[in-house]
PDB file of N, CA and C in Angstrom:
ATOM      1  N   MET A   1     169.994  86.812  10.525  1.00  0.00           N
ATOM      2  CA  MET A   1     170.883  86.174  11.469  1.00  0.00           C
ATOM      3  C   MET A   1     172.320  86.448  11.038  1.00  0.00           C
ATOM      4  N   ARG A   2     173.167  86.687  12.021  1.00  0.00           N
ATOM      5  CA  ARG A   2     174.587  86.965  11.784  1.00  0.00           C
ATOM      6  C   ARG A   2     175.430  85.937  12.509  1.00  0.00           C
ATOM      7  N   VAL A   3     176.673  85.779  12.066  1.00  0.00           N
ATOM      8  CA  VAL A   3     177.609  84.865  12.716  1.00  0.00           C
ATOM      9  C   VAL A   3     178.748  85.677  13.299  1.00  0.00           C
ATOM     10  N   VAL A   4     179.023  85.435  14.583  1.00  0.00           N
ATOM     11  CA  VAL A   4     180.130  86.085  15.281  1.00  0.00           C
ATOM     12  C   VAL A   4     181.134  84.996  15.643  1.00  0.00           C
ATOM     13  N   LEU A   5     182.402  85.224  15.331  1.00  0.00           N
ATOM     14  CA  LEU A   5     183.459  84.287  15.681  1.00  0.00           C
ATOM     15  C   LEU A   5     184.111  84.726  16.981  1.00  0.00           C
ATOM     16  N   ALA A   6     184.117  83.823  17.955  1.00  0.00           N
ATOM     17  CA  ALA A   6     184.828  84.050  19.220  1.00  0.00           C
ATOM     18  C   ALA A   6     185.898  82.976  19.321  1.00  0.00           C
ATOM     19  N   SER A   7     187.151  83.384  19.374  1.00  0.00           N
ATOM     20  CA  SER A   7     188.254  82.426  19.447  1.00  0.00           C
ATOM     21  C   SER A   7     188.760  82.323  20.873  1.00  0.00           C
ATOM     22  N   LEU A   8     188.919  81.079  21.315  1.00  0.00           N
ATOM     23  CA  LEU A   8     189.467  80.808  22.635  1.00  0.00           C
ATOM     24  C   LEU A   8     190.816  80.127  22.458  1.00  0.00           C
ATOM     25  N   THR A   9     191.736  80.447  23.320  1.00  0.00           N
ATOM     26  CA  THR A   9     193.037  79.787  23.305  1.00  0.00           C
ATOM     27  C   THR A   9     193.247  79.093  24.640  1.00  0.00           C
ATOM     28  N   THR A  10     194.005  78.016  24.614  1.00  0.00           N
ATOM     29  CA  THR A  10     194.236  77.288  25.854  1.00  0.00           C
ATOM     30  C   THR A  10     195.246  78.031  26.717  1.00  0.00           C
ATOM     31  N   THR A  11     195.052  77.884  28.014  1.00  0.00           N
ATOM     32  CA  THR A  11     196.030  78.395  28.969  1.00  0.00           C
ATOM     33  C   THR A  11     196.939  77.236  29.333  1.00  0.00           C
ATOM     34  N   SER A  12     197.931  77.486  30.143  1.00  0.00           N
ATOM     35  CA  SER A  12     198.812  76.400  30.562  1.00  0.00           C
ATOM     36  C   SER A  12     198.045  75.342  31.348  1.00  0.00           C
ATOM     37  N   ALA A  13     196.882  75.718  31.905  1.00  0.00           N
ATOM     38  CA  ALA A  13     196.061  74.768  32.657  1.00  0.00           C
ATOM     39  C   ALA A  13     195.091  74.002  31.757  1.00  0.00           C
ATOM     40  N   GLY A  14     195.045  74.342  30.476  1.00  0.00           N
ATOM     41  CA  GLY A  14     194.102  73.698  29.556  1.00  0.00           C
ATOM     42  C   GLY A  14     194.401  72.233  29.355  1.00  0.00           C
ATOM     43  N   THR A  15     193.346  71.425  29.231  1.00  0.00           N
ATOM     44  CA  THR A  15     193.514  69.983  29.129  1.00  0.00           C
ATOM     45  C   THR A  15     193.348  69.429  27.717  1.00  0.00           C
ATOM     46  N   ARG A  16     192.704  70.153  26.825  1.00  0.00           N
ATOM     47  CA  ARG A  16     192.452  69.714  25.445  1.00  0.00           C
ATOM     48  C   ARG A  16     191.709  68.384  25.375  1.00  0.00           C
ATOM     49  N   ASP A  17     190.770  68.201  26.231  1.00  0.00           N
ATOM     50  CA  ASP A  17     189.903  67.030  26.216  1.00  0.00           C
ATOM     51  C   ASP A  17     188.985  67.120  25.003  1.00  0.00           C
ATOM     52  N   ALA A  18     188.721  65.998  24.365  1.00  0.00           N
ATOM     53  CA  ALA A  18     187.878  65.994  23.165  1.00  0.00           C
ATOM     54  C   ALA A  18     186.468  66.504  23.441  1.00  0.00           C
ATOM     55  N   GLY A  19     185.995  66.399  24.666  1.00  0.00           N
ATOM     56  CA  GLY A  19     184.659  66.843  25.005  1.00  0.00           C
ATOM     57  C   GLY A  19     184.564  68.297  25.402  1.00  0.00           C
ATOM     58  N   THR A  20     185.707  68.974  25.517  1.00  0.00           N
ATOM     59  CA  THR A  20     185.708  70.354  25.995  1.00  0.00           C
ATOM     60  C   THR A  20     184.915  71.320  25.117  1.00  0.00           C
ATOM     61  N   PRO A  21     184.967  71.242  23.782  1.00  0.00           N
ATOM     62  CA  PRO A  21     184.141  72.166  22.994  1.00  0.00           C
ATOM     63  C   PRO A  21     182.651  72.073  23.352  1.00  0.00           C
ATOM     64  N   ALA A  22     182.160  70.882  23.611  1.00  0.00           N
ATOM     65  CA  ALA A  22     180.759  70.723  23.996  1.00  0.00           C
ATOM     66  C   ALA A  22     180.499  71.332  25.370  1.00  0.00           C
ATOM     67  N   VAL A  23     181.453  71.183  26.279  1.00  0.00           N
ATOM     68  CA  VAL A  23     181.299  71.769  27.616  1.00  0.00           C
ATOM     69  C   VAL A  23     181.270  73.294  27.517  1.00  0.00           C
ATOM     70  N   VAL A  24     182.150  73.866  26.728  1.00  0.00           N
ATOM     71  CA  VAL A  24     182.187  75.323  26.550  1.00  0.00           C
ATOM     72  C   VAL A  24     180.874  75.810  25.924  1.00  0.00           C
ATOM     73  N   THR A  25     180.351  75.071  24.965  1.00  0.00           N
ATOM     74  CA  THR A  25     179.062  75.415  24.366  1.00  0.00           C
ATOM     75  C   THR A  25     177.962  75.405  25.429  1.00  0.00           C
ATOM     76  N   ASP A  26     177.954  74.383  26.265  1.00  0.00           N
ATOM     77  CA  ASP A  26     176.962  74.313  27.342  1.00  0.00           C
ATOM     78  C   ASP A  26     177.103  75.487  28.307  1.00  0.00           C
ATOM     79  N   LEU A  27     178.334  75.884  28.587  1.00  0.00           N
ATOM     80  CA  LEU A  27     178.555  77.032  29.478  1.00  0.00           C
ATOM     81  C   LEU A  27     177.980  78.319  28.883  1.00  0.00           C
ATOM     82  N   LEU A  28     178.160  78.495  27.580  1.00  0.00           N
ATOM     83  CA  LEU A  28     177.581  79.677  26.931  1.00  0.00           C
ATOM     84  C   LEU A  28     176.061  79.668  27.059  1.00  0.00           C
ATOM     85  N   TRP A  29     175.449  78.525  26.798  1.00  0.00           N
ATOM     86  CA  TRP A  29     173.990  78.449  26.902  1.00  0.00           C
ATOM     87  C   TRP A  29     173.531  78.687  28.334  1.00  0.00           C
ATOM     88  N   ALA A  30     174.294  78.225  29.300  1.00  0.00           N
ATOM     89  CA  ALA A  30     173.922  78.425  30.704  1.00  0.00           C
ATOM     90  C   ALA A  30     173.939  79.904  31.083  1.00  0.00           C
ATOM     91  N   HIS A  31     174.765  80.702  30.406  1.00  0.00           N
ATOM     92  CA  HIS A  31     174.879  82.130  30.707  1.00  0.00           C
ATOM     93  C   HIS A  31     174.055  83.014  29.766  1.00  0.00           C
ATOM     94  N   ALA A  32     173.483  82.418  28.721  1.00  0.00           N
ATOM     95  CA  ALA A  32     172.737  83.192  27.724  1.00  0.00           C
ATOM     96  C   ALA A  32     171.411  83.689  28.288  1.00  0.00           C
ATOM     97  N   ARG A  33     171.046  84.871  27.850  1.00  0.00           N
ATOM     98  CA  ARG A  33     169.767  85.486  28.201  1.00  0.00           C
ATOM     99  C   ARG A  33     169.004  85.742  26.905  1.00  0.00           C
ATOM    100  N   PRO A  34     167.690  85.804  26.971  1.00  0.00           N
ATOM    101  CA  PRO A  34     166.919  86.041  25.742  1.00  0.00           C
ATOM    102  C   PRO A  34     167.370  87.282  24.973  1.00  0.00           C
ATOM    103  N   GLU A  35     167.715  88.339  25.683  1.00  0.00           N
ATOM    104  CA  GLU A  35     168.119  89.578  25.007  1.00  0.00           C
ATOM    105  C   GLU A  35     169.451  89.464  24.264  1.00  0.00           C
ATOM    106  N   ASP A  36     170.228  88.398  24.540  1.00  0.00           N
ATOM    107  CA  ASP A  36     171.480  88.193  23.803  1.00  0.00           C
ATOM    108  C   ASP A  36     171.212  87.846  22.341  1.00  0.00           C
ATOM    109  N   GLY A  37     170.084  87.219  22.076  1.00  0.00           N
ATOM    110  CA  GLY A  37     169.750  86.858  20.698  1.00  0.00           C
ATOM    111  C   GLY A  37     170.527  85.663  20.175  1.00  0.00           C
ATOM    112  N   LEU A  38     171.121  84.881  21.058  1.00  0.00           N
ATOM    113  CA  LEU A  38     171.887  83.707  20.624  1.00  0.00           C
ATOM    114  C   LEU A  38     170.930  82.639  20.115  1.00  0.00           C
ATOM    115  N   GLU A  39     171.181  82.143  18.910  1.00  0.00           N
ATOM    116  CA  GLU A  39     170.327  81.125  18.295  1.00  0.00           C
ATOM    117  C   GLU A  39     171.002  79.762  18.232  1.00  0.00           C
ATOM    118  N   HIS A  40     172.301  79.756  18.007  1.00  0.00           N
ATOM    119  CA  HIS A  40     173.014  78.486  17.799  1.00  0.00           C
ATOM    120  C   HIS A  40     174.501  78.719  18.048  1.00  0.00           C
ATOM    121  N   VAL A  41     175.193  77.681  18.500  1.00  0.00           N
ATOM    122  CA  VAL A  41     176.646  77.735  18.698  1.00  0.00           C
ATOM    123  C   VAL A  41     177.265  76.523  18.023  1.00  0.00           C
ATOM    124  N   THR A  42     178.280  76.753  17.207  1.00  0.00           N
ATOM    125  CA  THR A  42     179.043  75.662  16.598  1.00  0.00           C
ATOM    126  C   THR A  42     180.499  75.805  17.034  1.00  0.00           C
ATOM    127  N   PRO A  43     180.996  74.859  17.845  1.00  0.00           N
ATOM    128  CA  PRO A  43     182.399  74.917  18.255  1.00  0.00           C
ATOM    129  C   PRO A  43     183.279  74.115  17.290  1.00  0.00           C
ATOM    130  N   ARG A  44     184.484  74.587  17.093  1.00  0.00           N
ATOM    131  CA  ARG A  44     185.466  73.879  16.266  1.00  0.00           C
ATOM    132  C   ARG A  44     186.803  73.912  16.996  1.00  0.00           C
ATOM    133  N   ALA A  45     187.329  72.740  17.291  1.00  0.00           N
ATOM    134  CA  ALA A  45     188.653  72.669  17.921  1.00  0.00           C
ATOM    135  C   ALA A  45     189.698  73.141  16.918  1.00  0.00           C
ATOM    136  N   THR A  46     190.676  73.896  17.413  1.00  0.00           N
ATOM    137  CA  THR A  46     191.786  74.371  16.583  1.00  0.00           C
ATOM    138  C   THR A  46     193.082  73.876  17.216  1.00  0.00           C
ATOM    139  N   GLY A  47     194.193  74.145  16.587  1.00  0.00           N
ATOM    140  CA  GLY A  47     195.477  73.736  17.131  1.00  0.00           C
ATOM    141  C   GLY A  47     195.824  74.431  18.433  1.00  0.00           C
ATOM    142  N   SER A  48     195.235  75.604  18.657  1.00  0.00           N
ATOM    143  CA  SER A  48     195.579  76.360  19.858  1.00  0.00           C
ATOM    144  C   SER A  48     194.390  76.595  20.788  1.00  0.00           C
ATOM    145  N   GLY A  49     193.224  76.026  20.458  1.00  0.00           N
ATOM    146  CA  GLY A  49     192.075  76.239  21.318  1.00  0.00           C
ATOM    147  C   GLY A  49     190.776  75.844  20.656  1.00  0.00           C
ATOM    148  N   ILE A  50     189.792  76.740  20.714  1.00  0.00           N
ATOM    149  CA  ILE A  50     188.461  76.485  20.163  1.00  0.00           C
ATOM    150  C   ILE A  50     187.956  77.757  19.484  1.00  0.00           C
ATOM    151  N   ASP A  51     187.415  77.604  18.278  1.00  0.00           N
ATOM    152  CA  ASP A  51     186.689  78.695  17.631  1.00  0.00           C
ATOM    153  C   ASP A  51     185.209  78.437  17.861  1.00  0.00           C
ATOM    154  N   LEU A  52     184.513  79.448  18.344  1.00  0.00           N
ATOM    155  CA  LEU A  52     183.077  79.363  18.567  1.00  0.00           C
ATOM    156  C   LEU A  52     182.374  80.232  17.540  1.00  0.00           C
ATOM    157  N   TYR A  53     181.538  79.623  16.739  1.00  0.00           N
ATOM    158  CA  TYR A  53     180.734  80.354  15.770  1.00  0.00           C
ATOM    159  C   TYR A  53     179.370  80.580  16.422  1.00  0.00           C
ATOM    160  N   LEU A  54     179.089  81.824  16.747  1.00  0.00           N
ATOM    161  CA  LEU A  54     177.873  82.196  17.465  1.00  0.00           C
ATOM    162  C   LEU A  54     176.872  82.772  16.478  1.00  0.00           C
ATOM    163  N   PHE A  55     175.755  82.103  16.300  1.00  0.00           N
ATOM    164  CA  PHE A  55     174.712  82.550  15.394  1.00  0.00           C
ATOM    165  C   PHE A  55     173.756  83.419  16.196  1.00  0.00           C
ATOM    166  N   VAL A  56     173.620  84.676  15.758  1.00  0.00           N
ATOM    167  CA  VAL A  56     172.954  85.700  16.554  1.00  0.00           C
ATOM    168  C   VAL A  56     171.811  86.344  15.777  1.00  0.00           C
ATOM    169  N   ARG A  57     170.698  86.556  16.468  1.00  0.00           N
ATOM    170  CA  ARG A  57     169.582  87.322  15.898  1.00  0.00           C
ATOM    171  C   ARG A  57     169.966  88.791  15.941  1.00  0.00           C
ATOM    172  N   ALA A  58     170.338  89.332  14.787  1.00  0.00           N
ATOM    173  CA  ALA A  58     170.733  90.741  14.692  1.00  0.00           C
ATOM    174  C   ALA A  58     170.590  91.187  13.246  1.00  0.00           C
ATOM    175  N   GLU A  59     170.408  92.481  13.067  1.00  0.00           N
ATOM    176  CA  GLU A  59     170.207  93.042  11.725  1.00  0.00           C
ATOM    177  C   GLU A  59     171.513  93.296  10.977  1.00  0.00           C
ATOM    178  N   ALA A  60     172.615  93.432  11.731  1.00  0.00           N
ATOM    179  CA  ALA A  60     173.904  93.726  11.102  1.00  0.00           C
ATOM    180  C   ALA A  60     175.022  93.139  11.955  1.00  0.00           C
ATOM    181  N   ASP A  61     176.225  93.100  11.373  1.00  0.00           N
ATOM    182  CA  ASP A  61     177.366  92.511  12.070  1.00  0.00           C
ATOM    183  C   ASP A  61     177.744  93.263  13.336  1.00  0.00           C
ATOM    184  N   GLY A  62     177.770  94.589  13.285  1.00  0.00           N
ATOM    185  CA  GLY A  62     178.163  95.387  14.448  1.00  0.00           C
ATOM    186  C   GLY A  62     177.297  95.121  15.668  1.00  0.00           C
ATOM    187  N   PRO A  63     175.967  95.198  15.512  1.00  0.00           N
ATOM    188  CA  PRO A  63     175.107  94.896  16.649  1.00  0.00           C
ATOM    189  C   PRO A  63     175.250  93.449  17.146  1.00  0.00           C
ATOM    190  N   ALA A  64     175.514  92.519  16.238  1.00  0.00           N
ATOM    191  CA  ALA A  64     175.687  91.122  16.645  1.00  0.00           C
ATOM    192  C   ALA A  64     176.887  90.981  17.571  1.00  0.00           C
ATOM    193  N   VAL A  65     177.993  91.613  17.208  1.00  0.00           N
ATOM    194  CA  VAL A  65     179.190  91.573  18.052  1.00  0.00           C
ATOM    195  C   VAL A  65     178.905  92.235  19.398  1.00  0.00           C
ATOM    196  N   THR A  66     178.240  93.363  19.362  1.00  0.00           N
ATOM    197  CA  THR A  66     177.897  94.081  20.589  1.00  0.00           C
ATOM    198  C   THR A  66     177.016  93.229  21.500  1.00  0.00           C
ATOM    199  N   GLN A  67     176.078  92.493  20.922  1.00  0.00           N
ATOM    200  CA  GLN A  67     175.197  91.623  21.695  1.00  0.00           C
ATOM    201  C   GLN A  67     175.958  90.478  22.360  1.00  0.00           C
ATOM    202  N   MET A  68     177.006  89.975  21.724  1.00  0.00           N
ATOM    203  CA  MET A  68     177.721  88.822  22.253  1.00  0.00           C
ATOM    204  C   MET A  68     178.724  89.180  23.349  1.00  0.00           C
ATOM    205  N   ARG A  69     179.187  90.416  23.368  1.00  0.00           N
ATOM    206  CA  ARG A  69     180.191  90.808  24.380  1.00  0.00           C
ATOM    207  C   ARG A  69     179.725  90.558  25.818  1.00  0.00           C
ATOM    208  N   PRO A  70     178.515  90.974  26.207  1.00  0.00           N
ATOM    209  CA  PRO A  70     178.091  90.705  27.588  1.00  0.00           C
ATOM    210  C   PRO A  70     177.976  89.207  27.897  1.00  0.00           C
ATOM    211  N   LEU A  71     177.511  88.438  26.928  1.00  0.00           N
ATOM    212  CA  LEU A  71     177.409  86.989  27.132  1.00  0.00           C
ATOM    213  C   LEU A  71     178.789  86.382  27.370  1.00  0.00           C
ATOM    214  N   LEU A  72     179.732  86.732  26.527  1.00  0.00           N
ATOM    215  CA  LEU A  72     181.087  86.192  26.688  1.00  0.00           C
ATOM    216  C   LEU A  72     181.709  86.637  28.009  1.00  0.00           C
ATOM    217  N   GLU A  73     181.402  87.841  28.426  1.00  0.00           N
ATOM    218  CA  GLU A  73     181.913  88.328  29.710  1.00  0.00           C
ATOM    219  C   GLU A  73     181.298  87.542  30.875  1.00  0.00           C
ATOM    220  N   ARG A  74     180.006  87.274  30.797  1.00  0.00           N
ATOM    221  CA  ARG A  74     179.349  86.499  31.864  1.00  0.00           C
ATOM    222  C   ARG A  74     179.915  85.088  31.955  1.00  0.00           C
ATOM    223  N   ALA A  75     180.271  84.511  30.818  1.00  0.00           N
ATOM    224  CA  ALA A  75     180.778  83.132  30.789  1.00  0.00           C
ATOM    225  C   ALA A  75     182.283  83.041  30.978  1.00  0.00           C
ATOM    226  N   ARG A  76     182.969  84.170  30.999  1.00  0.00           N
ATOM    227  CA  ARG A  76     184.438  84.193  31.013  1.00  0.00           C
ATOM    228  C   ARG A  76     185.060  83.346  32.129  1.00  0.00           C
ATOM    229  N   ALA A  77     184.601  83.501  33.362  1.00  0.00           N
ATOM    230  CA  ALA A  77     185.208  82.776  34.486  1.00  0.00           C
ATOM    231  C   ALA A  77     185.017  81.265  34.354  1.00  0.00           C
ATOM    232  N   CYS A  78     183.832  80.848  33.918  1.00  0.00           N
ATOM    233  CA  CYS A  78     183.578  79.414  33.755  1.00  0.00           C
ATOM    234  C   CYS A  78     184.396  78.824  32.608  1.00  0.00           C
ATOM    235  N   ILE A  79     184.542  79.598  31.547  1.00  0.00           N
ATOM    236  CA  ILE A  79     185.378  79.147  30.430  1.00  0.00           C
ATOM    237  C   ILE A  79     186.830  79.051  30.871  1.00  0.00           C
ATOM    238  N   ALA A  80     187.280  80.024  31.663  1.00  0.00           N
ATOM    239  CA  ALA A  80     188.660  80.004  32.178  1.00  0.00           C
ATOM    240  C   ALA A  80     188.892  78.779  33.058  1.00  0.00           C
ATOM    241  N   ALA A  81     187.874  78.357  33.789  1.00  0.00           N
ATOM    242  CA  ALA A  81     187.994  77.165  34.634  1.00  0.00           C
ATOM    243  C   ALA A  81     188.209  75.902  33.797  1.00  0.00           C
ATOM    244  N   GLN A  82     187.829  75.959  32.522  1.00  0.00           N
ATOM    245  CA  GLN A  82     188.065  74.847  31.603  1.00  0.00           C
ATOM    246  C   GLN A  82     189.440  74.942  30.937  1.00  0.00           C
ATOM    247  N   GLY A  83     190.183  76.027  31.232  1.00  0.00           N
ATOM    248  CA  GLY A  83     191.525  76.179  30.681  1.00  0.00           C
ATOM    249  C   GLY A  83     191.593  76.982  29.399  1.00  0.00           C
ATOM    250  N   TYR A  84     190.613  77.874  29.177  1.00  0.00           N
ATOM    251  CA  TYR A  84     190.575  78.681  27.951  1.00  0.00           C
ATOM    252  C   TYR A  84     190.374  80.148  28.273  1.00  0.00           C
ATOM    253  N   VAL A  85     190.925  80.998  27.430  1.00  0.00           N
ATOM    254  CA  VAL A  85     190.692  82.430  27.524  1.00  0.00           C
ATOM    255  C   VAL A  85     190.262  82.943  26.150  1.00  0.00           C
ATOM    256  N   LEU A  86     189.450  83.979  26.170  1.00  0.00           N
ATOM    257  CA  LEU A  86     188.982  84.608  24.942  1.00  0.00           C
ATOM    258  C   LEU A  86     190.123  85.420  24.330  1.00  0.00           C
ATOM    259  N   VAL A  87     190.354  85.222  23.045  1.00  0.00           N
ATOM    260  CA  VAL A  87     191.356  85.991  22.336  1.00  0.00           C
ATOM    261  C   VAL A  87     190.774  87.374  22.092  1.00  0.00           C
ATOM    262  N   ALA A  88     191.500  88.405  22.471  1.00  0.00           N
ATOM    263  CA  ALA A  88     191.004  89.791  22.309  1.00  0.00           C
ATOM    264  C   ALA A  88     190.791  90.084  20.838  1.00  0.00           C
ATOM    265  N   ASP A  89     189.707  90.841  20.577  1.00  0.00           N
ATOM    266  CA  ASP A  89     189.408  91.198  19.184  1.00  0.00           C
ATOM    267  C   ASP A  89     190.030  92.505  18.806  1.00  0.00           C
TER     268      ASP A  89
END
């Protein structure tokens, strides 16, 4: 299992509600597919947004990151509706 860090930053529309990390986690699970290999998500609020630690079934770091890109893309619009954008890697 590998860990992939996905950092989100708030937009001007972001609300910084204490429950938002849990909502973002739920959005990821709603968009996850078995082939993504997502096993667990741990969100951590930061001063500028949310860090998502994505635990992924993968043999190495490179494939883990590659596996998470489509998931994050599928969830992008819903995450943006919560006032967050993915920080480019």
